[in-house]
Amino acid sequence: MSDVQSTAITEPQPTRLRDALRKARIEAADRTGVVVELRDAEVARLEIMNEALDPLFAQVPEKVDLFDRGVSQGETPRLWIDVVAHILMGRDKRIYRFVQDTRFGRIVLAESHDVPVIVDAVTDYVARRMIEREHAMVATPMVEPSAEEPPKRRGGLGMFVFGFLLGAAALFGVALFASLRNL
């Protein structure tokens, strides 16, 4: 064998799999970068929508605590309006989709590329939710305790003691009855 051939055999050749893995890692990193950029673009668009909704939520009375607006940056970024309704980006990442989760599944309330269209849909939704709240408050009025009148306490401790004594008397009576019966 020649000297060149013997060194070629003894030196470890870079394996093809190692090169393929390195190439795959580089491609995955590039794709991840693109995905991160897309997610950042989604969040930025949702922030624009959030700012467009500021005038609407400035008009909602402070007593109404139905709405908790904010952008969540999970796997799918969302602009939450309340517990069951949110705005997310469509498949093409340019269309806004306003959806509501129900016990029967998710329903799309509005879908558009235009911010004002979604703002109008959210405005209608907020108005409907406030009317539902008013109806619920009329059906079950909430009375706030006044500062002059202390809240009325029911005899919880007294009822407990009365029940305890009544139970003890009943057990004593059963024991007495059982002992008289054995005589």
C-alpha atoms as a PDB file:
ATOM      1  CA  MET A   1       0.000   0.000   0.000  1.00  0.00           C
ATOM      2  CA  SER A   2       1.161   3.464  -0.653  1.00  0.00           C
ATOM      3  CA  ASP A   3       1.775   5.945   2.100  1.00  0.00           C
ATOM      4  CA  VAL A   4      -1.130   8.155   0.999  1.00  0.00           C
ATOM      5  CA  GLN A   5      -3.603   5.280   1.069  1.00  0.00           C
ATOM      6  CA  SER A   6      -2.544   4.125   4.538  1.00  0.00           C
ATOM      7  CA  THR A   7      -3.030   7.599   6.062  1.00  0.00           C
ATOM      8  CA  ALA A   8      -6.412   7.851   4.405  1.00  0.00           C
ATOM      9  CA  ILE A   9      -7.525   4.624   6.021  1.00  0.00           C
ATOM     10  CA  THR A  10      -6.236   5.428   9.512  1.00  0.00           C
ATOM     11  CA  GLU A  11      -7.589   9.001   9.713  1.00  0.00           C
ATOM     12  CA  PRO A  12     -11.262   9.117  10.634  1.00  0.00           C
ATOM     13  CA  GLN A  13     -13.328  10.515   7.823  1.00  0.00           C
ATOM     14  CA  PRO A  14     -16.069  13.008   8.779  1.00  0.00           C
ATOM     15  CA  THR A  15     -19.232  11.003   8.697  1.00  0.00           C
ATOM     16  CA  ARG A  16     -22.005  11.875   6.353  1.00  0.00           C
ATOM     17  CA  LEU A  17     -24.607  11.688   9.145  1.00  0.00           C
ATOM     18  CA  ARG A  18     -22.739  14.239  11.232  1.00  0.00           C
ATOM     19  CA  ASP A  19     -22.700  16.654   8.276  1.00  0.00           C
ATOM     20  CA  ALA A  20     -26.375  16.014   7.618  1.00  0.00           C
ATOM     21  CA  LEU A  21     -27.245  16.673  11.279  1.00  0.00           C
ATOM     22  CA  ARG A  22     -25.269  19.909  11.265  1.00  0.00           C
ATOM     23  CA  LYS A  23     -27.025  21.040   8.097  1.00  0.00           C
ATOM     24  CA  ALA A  24     -30.439  20.106   9.560  1.00  0.00           C
ATOM     25  CA  ARG A  25     -29.695  22.084  12.740  1.00  0.00           C
ATOM     26  CA  ILE A  26     -28.770  25.159  10.723  1.00  0.00           C
ATOM     27  CA  GLU A  27     -31.974  24.870   8.667  1.00  0.00           C
ATOM     28  CA  ALA A  28     -34.070  24.428  11.835  1.00  0.00           C
ATOM     29  CA  ALA A  29     -32.474  27.515  13.371  1.00  0.00           C
ATOM     30  CA  ASP A  30     -33.290  29.500  10.242  1.00  0.00           C
ATOM     31  CA  ARG A  31     -36.918  28.314  10.330  1.00  0.00           C
ATOM     32  CA  THR A  32     -37.155  29.099  14.056  1.00  0.00           C
ATOM     33  CA  GLY A  33     -35.942  32.608  13.337  1.00  0.00           C
ATOM     34  CA  VAL A  34     -38.664  33.017  10.745  1.00  0.00           C
ATOM     35  CA  VAL A  35     -41.288  31.671  13.155  1.00  0.00           C
ATOM     36  CA  VAL A  36     -40.128  34.052  15.878  1.00  0.00           C
ATOM     37  CA  GLU A  37     -40.301  36.959  13.447  1.00  0.00           C
ATOM     38  CA  LEU A  38     -43.852  35.920  12.431  1.00  0.00           C
ATOM     39  CA  ARG A  39     -44.918  35.647  16.081  1.00  0.00           C
ATOM     40  CA  ASP A  40     -43.412  39.068  16.803  1.00  0.00           C
ATOM     41  CA  ALA A  41     -45.344  40.469  13.828  1.00  0.00           C
ATOM     42  CA  GLU A  42     -48.563  38.892  15.172  1.00  0.00           C
ATOM     43  CA  VAL A  43     -47.999  40.397  18.608  1.00  0.00           C
ATOM     44  CA  ALA A  44     -47.283  43.800  17.047  1.00  0.00           C
ATOM     45  CA  ARG A  45     -50.532  43.670  15.044  1.00  0.00           C
ATOM     46  CA  LEU A  46     -52.475  42.664  18.171  1.00  0.00           C
ATOM     47  CA  GLU A  47     -50.889  45.559  20.064  1.00  0.00           C
ATOM     48  CA  ILE A  48     -52.100  47.899  17.294  1.00  0.00           C
ATOM     49  CA  MET A  49     -55.601  46.466  17.741  1.00  0.00           C
ATOM     50  CA  ASN A  50     -55.313  46.846  21.527  1.00  0.00           C
ATOM     51  CA  GLU A  51     -54.462  50.547  21.115  1.00  0.00           C
ATOM     52  CA  ALA A  52     -57.387  50.987  18.715  1.00  0.00           C
ATOM     53  CA  LEU A  53     -59.689  49.596  21.436  1.00  0.00           C
ATOM     54  CA  ASP A  54     -58.465  52.052  24.096  1.00  0.00           C
ATOM     55  CA  PRO A  55     -61.192  54.689  23.393  1.00  0.00           C
ATOM     56  CA  LEU A  56     -63.903  52.025  23.678  1.00  0.00           C
ATOM     57  CA  PHE A  57     -62.705  50.680  27.016  1.00  0.00           C
ATOM     58  CA  ALA A  58     -62.185  54.202  28.350  1.00  0.00           C
ATOM     59  CA  GLN A  59     -65.985  54.592  28.117  1.00  0.00           C
ATOM     60  CA  VAL A  60     -66.752  51.423  30.125  1.00  0.00           C
ATOM     61  CA  PRO A  61     -67.710  52.353  33.723  1.00  0.00           C
ATOM     62  CA  GLU A  62     -65.194  51.346  36.368  1.00  0.00           C
ATOM     63  CA  LYS A  63     -67.855  49.366  38.263  1.00  0.00           C
ATOM     64  CA  VAL A  64     -68.140  46.973  35.318  1.00  0.00           C
ATOM     65  CA  ASP A  65     -65.465  44.355  35.842  1.00  0.00           C
ATOM     66  CA  LEU A  66     -66.457  42.023  33.025  1.00  0.00           C
ATOM     67  CA  PHE A  67     -63.543  42.837  30.773  1.00  0.00           C
ATOM     68  CA  ASP A  68     -59.893  42.009  31.263  1.00  0.00           C
ATOM     69  CA  ARG A  69     -58.053  43.104  28.167  1.00  0.00           C
ATOM     70  CA  GLY A  70     -54.500  42.041  27.427  1.00  0.00           C
ATOM     71  CA  VAL A  71     -52.230  40.339  24.920  1.00  0.00           C
ATOM     72  CA  SER A  72     -51.086  36.822  25.785  1.00  0.00           C
ATOM     73  CA  GLN A  73     -47.911  35.710  24.072  1.00  0.00           C
ATOM     74  CA  GLY A  74     -48.274  31.942  24.096  1.00  0.00           C
ATOM     75  CA  GLU A  75     -47.911  29.603  21.164  1.00  0.00           C
ATOM     76  CA  THR A  76     -50.736  31.513  19.506  1.00  0.00           C
ATOM     77  CA  PRO A  77     -50.725  35.191  20.547  1.00  0.00           C
ATOM     78  CA  ARG A  78     -54.182  36.494  21.487  1.00  0.00           C
ATOM     79  CA  LEU A  79     -55.737  39.796  22.499  1.00  0.00           C
ATOM     80  CA  TRP A  80     -58.188  38.865  25.239  1.00  0.00           C
ATOM     81  CA  ILE A  81     -61.330  40.981  25.601  1.00  0.00           C
ATOM     82  CA  ASP A  82     -62.793  38.971  28.455  1.00  0.00           C
ATOM     83  CA  VAL A  83     -62.696  35.402  29.692  1.00  0.00           C
ATOM     84  CA  VAL A  84     -64.429  33.929  26.642  1.00  0.00           C
ATOM     85  CA  ALA A  85     -63.719  36.326  23.770  1.00  0.00           C
ATOM     86  CA  HIS A  86     -60.433  37.137  22.108  1.00  0.00           C
ATOM     87  CA  ILE A  87     -58.849  38.338  18.891  1.00  0.00           C
ATOM     88  CA  LEU A  88     -56.236  36.291  17.114  1.00  0.00           C
ATOM     89  CA  MET A  89     -54.586  36.457  13.736  1.00  0.00           C
ATOM     90  CA  GLY A  90     -55.871  34.292  10.900  1.00  0.00           C
ATOM     91  CA  ARG A  91     -53.839  31.735   8.993  1.00  0.00           C
ATOM     92  CA  ASP A  92     -52.321  34.343   6.697  1.00  0.00           C
ATOM     93  CA  LYS A  93     -51.248  36.399   9.768  1.00  0.00           C
ATOM     94  CA  ARG A  94     -52.785  39.555   8.269  1.00  0.00           C
ATOM     95  CA  ILE A  95     -56.457  39.011   9.026  1.00  0.00           C
ATOM     96  CA  TYR A  96     -57.951  39.684  12.460  1.00  0.00           C
ATOM     97  CA  ARG A  97     -60.350  37.052  13.782  1.00  0.00           C
ATOM     98  CA  PHE A  98     -62.620  37.965  16.724  1.00  0.00           C
ATOM     99  CA  VAL A  99     -63.878  34.744  18.320  1.00  0.00           C
ATOM    100  CA  GLN A 100     -65.889  33.657  21.334  1.00  0.00           C
ATOM    101  CA  ASP A 101     -65.530  30.324  23.101  1.00  0.00           C
ATOM    102  CA  THR A 102     -68.837  28.705  24.000  1.00  0.00           C
ATOM    103  CA  ARG A 103     -69.691  25.350  25.494  1.00  0.00           C
ATOM    104  CA  PHE A 104     -70.566  24.230  21.973  1.00  0.00           C
ATOM    105  CA  GLY A 105     -67.232  25.302  20.494  1.00  0.00           C
ATOM    106  CA  ARG A 106     -65.623  28.438  19.154  1.00  0.00           C
ATOM    107  CA  ILE A 107     -67.665  30.843  17.043  1.00  0.00           C
ATOM    108  CA  VAL A 108     -66.241  33.574  14.855  1.00  0.00           C
ATOM    109  CA  LEU A 109     -67.908  36.901  15.643  1.00  0.00           C
ATOM    110  CA  ALA A 110     -65.992  38.940  13.047  1.00  0.00           C
ATOM    111  CA  GLU A 111     -63.131  38.560  10.626  1.00  0.00           C
ATOM    112  CA  SER A 112     -61.427  41.314   8.659  1.00  0.00           C
ATOM    113  CA  HIS A 113     -58.148  42.843   7.521  1.00  0.00           C
ATOM    114  CA  ASP A 114     -59.396  46.251   8.695  1.00  0.00           C
ATOM    115  CA  VAL A 115     -58.971  47.374  12.295  1.00  0.00           C
ATOM    116  CA  PRO A 116     -62.160  49.558  12.341  1.00  0.00           C
ATOM    117  CA  VAL A 117     -64.334  46.571  11.368  1.00  0.00           C
ATOM    118  CA  ILE A 118     -63.036  44.538  14.312  1.00  0.00           C
ATOM    119  CA  VAL A 119     -63.324  47.556  16.643  1.00  0.00           C
ATOM    120  CA  ASP A 120     -67.016  47.842  15.652  1.00  0.00           C
ATOM    121  CA  ALA A 121     -67.541  44.126  16.325  1.00  0.00           C
ATOM    122  CA  VAL A 122     -65.860  44.392  19.730  1.00  0.00           C
ATOM    123  CA  THR A 123     -67.974  47.476  20.511  1.00  0.00           C
ATOM    124  CA  ASP A 124     -71.158  45.510  19.757  1.00  0.00           C
ATOM    125  CA  TYR A 125     -69.905  42.607  21.864  1.00  0.00           C
ATOM    126  CA  VAL A 126     -69.065  44.864  24.822  1.00  0.00           C
ATOM    127  CA  ALA A 127     -72.501  46.502  24.614  1.00  0.00           C
ATOM    128  CA  ARG A 128     -74.253  43.102  24.585  1.00  0.00           C
ATOM    129  CA  ARG A 129     -72.204  41.901  27.568  1.00  0.00           C
ATOM    130  CA  MET A 130     -73.047  45.057  29.542  1.00  0.00           C
ATOM    131  CA  ILE A 131     -76.768  44.616  28.808  1.00  0.00           C
ATOM    132  CA  GLU A 132     -76.549  40.968  29.930  1.00  0.00           C
ATOM    133  CA  ARG A 133     -74.909  42.162  33.146  1.00  0.00           C
ATOM    134  CA  GLU A 134     -77.680  44.717  33.730  1.00  0.00           C
ATOM    135  CA  HIS A 135     -80.333  42.041  33.258  1.00  0.00           C
ATOM    136  CA  ALA A 136     -78.525  39.726  35.667  1.00  0.00           C
ATOM    137  CA  MET A 137     -78.243  42.507  38.242  1.00  0.00           C
ATOM    138  CA  VAL A 138     -81.983  43.247  37.998  1.00  0.00           C
ATOM    139  CA  ALA A 139     -82.838  39.566  38.380  1.00  0.00           C
ATOM    140  CA  THR A 140     -80.649  39.221  41.471  1.00  0.00           C
ATOM    141  CA  PRO A 141     -80.162  42.653  43.020  1.00  0.00           C
ATOM    142  CA  MET A 142     -76.977  43.097  44.957  1.00  0.00           C
ATOM    143  CA  VAL A 143     -77.462  45.221  48.053  1.00  0.00           C
ATOM    144  CA  GLU A 144     -74.329  46.848  49.344  1.00  0.00           C
ATOM    145  CA  PRO A 145     -74.263  47.090  53.145  1.00  0.00           C
ATOM    146  CA  SER A 146     -74.419  50.660  54.375  1.00  0.00           C
ATOM    147  CA  ALA A 147     -71.826  52.067  56.738  1.00  0.00           C
ATOM    148  CA  GLU A 148     -74.480  53.003  59.354  1.00  0.00           C
ATOM    149  CA  GLU A 149     -76.034  49.579  59.641  1.00  0.00           C
ATOM    150  CA  PRO A 150     -73.810  46.680  60.727  1.00  0.00           C
ATOM    151  CA  PRO A 151     -74.425  43.463  58.844  1.00  0.00           C
ATOM    152  CA  LYS A 152     -76.943  41.182  60.509  1.00  0.00           C
ATOM    153  CA  ARG A 153     -75.498  38.019  61.922  1.00  0.00           C
ATOM    154  CA  ARG A 154     -77.539  34.936  62.154  1.00  0.00           C
ATOM    155  CA  GLY A 155     -77.236  32.790  65.246  1.00  0.00           C
ATOM    156  CA  GLY A 156     -74.762  30.367  63.705  1.00  0.00           C
ATOM    157  CA  LEU A 157     -73.045  29.512  66.981  1.00  0.00           C
ATOM    158  CA  GLY A 158     -76.368  29.341  68.818  1.00  0.00           C
ATOM    159  CA  MET A 159     -77.805  26.996  66.208  1.00  0.00           C
ATOM    160  CA  PHE A 160     -74.706  24.787  66.459  1.00  0.00           C
ATOM    161  CA  VAL A 161     -74.990  24.542  70.246  1.00  0.00           C
ATOM    162  CA  PHE A 162     -78.737  23.853  70.014  1.00  0.00           C
ATOM    163  CA  GLY A 163     -78.148  21.064  67.476  1.00  0.00           C
ATOM    164  CA  PHE A 164     -75.362  19.578  69.588  1.00  0.00           C
ATOM    165  CA  LEU A 165     -77.566  19.510  72.707  1.00  0.00           C
ATOM    166  CA  LEU A 166     -80.492  18.084  70.774  1.00  0.00           C
ATOM    167  CA  GLY A 167     -78.275  15.307  69.360  1.00  0.00           C
ATOM    168  CA  ALA A 168     -76.815  14.525  72.785  1.00  0.00           C
ATOM    169  CA  ALA A 169     -80.315  14.333  74.287  1.00  0.00           C
ATOM    170  CA  ALA A 170     -81.427  12.009  71.492  1.00  0.00           C
ATOM    171  CA  LEU A 171     -78.420   9.712  72.056  1.00  0.00           C
ATOM    172  CA  PHE A 172     -79.103   9.688  75.814  1.00  0.00           C
ATOM    173  CA  GLY A 173     -82.728   8.797  75.158  1.00  0.00           C
ATOM    174  CA  VAL A 174     -81.765   5.923  72.838  1.00  0.00           C
ATOM    175  CA  ALA A 175     -79.241   4.604  75.369  1.00  0.00           C
ATOM    176  CA  LEU A 176     -81.826   4.808  78.178  1.00  0.00           C
ATOM    177  CA  PHE A 177     -84.425   3.051  76.044  1.00  0.00           C
ATOM    178  CA  ALA A 178     -81.952   0.287  75.148  1.00  0.00           C
ATOM    179  CA  SER A 179     -80.944  -0.255  78.792  1.00  0.00           C
ATOM    180  CA  LEU A 180     -84.595  -0.422  79.961  1.00  0.00           C
ATOM    181  CA  ARG A 181     -85.379  -2.880  77.217  1.00  0.00           C
ATOM    182  CA  ASN A 182     -82.583  -5.228  78.350  1.00  0.00           C
ATOM    183  CA  LEU A 183     -84.036  -5.463  81.915  1.00  0.00           C
END
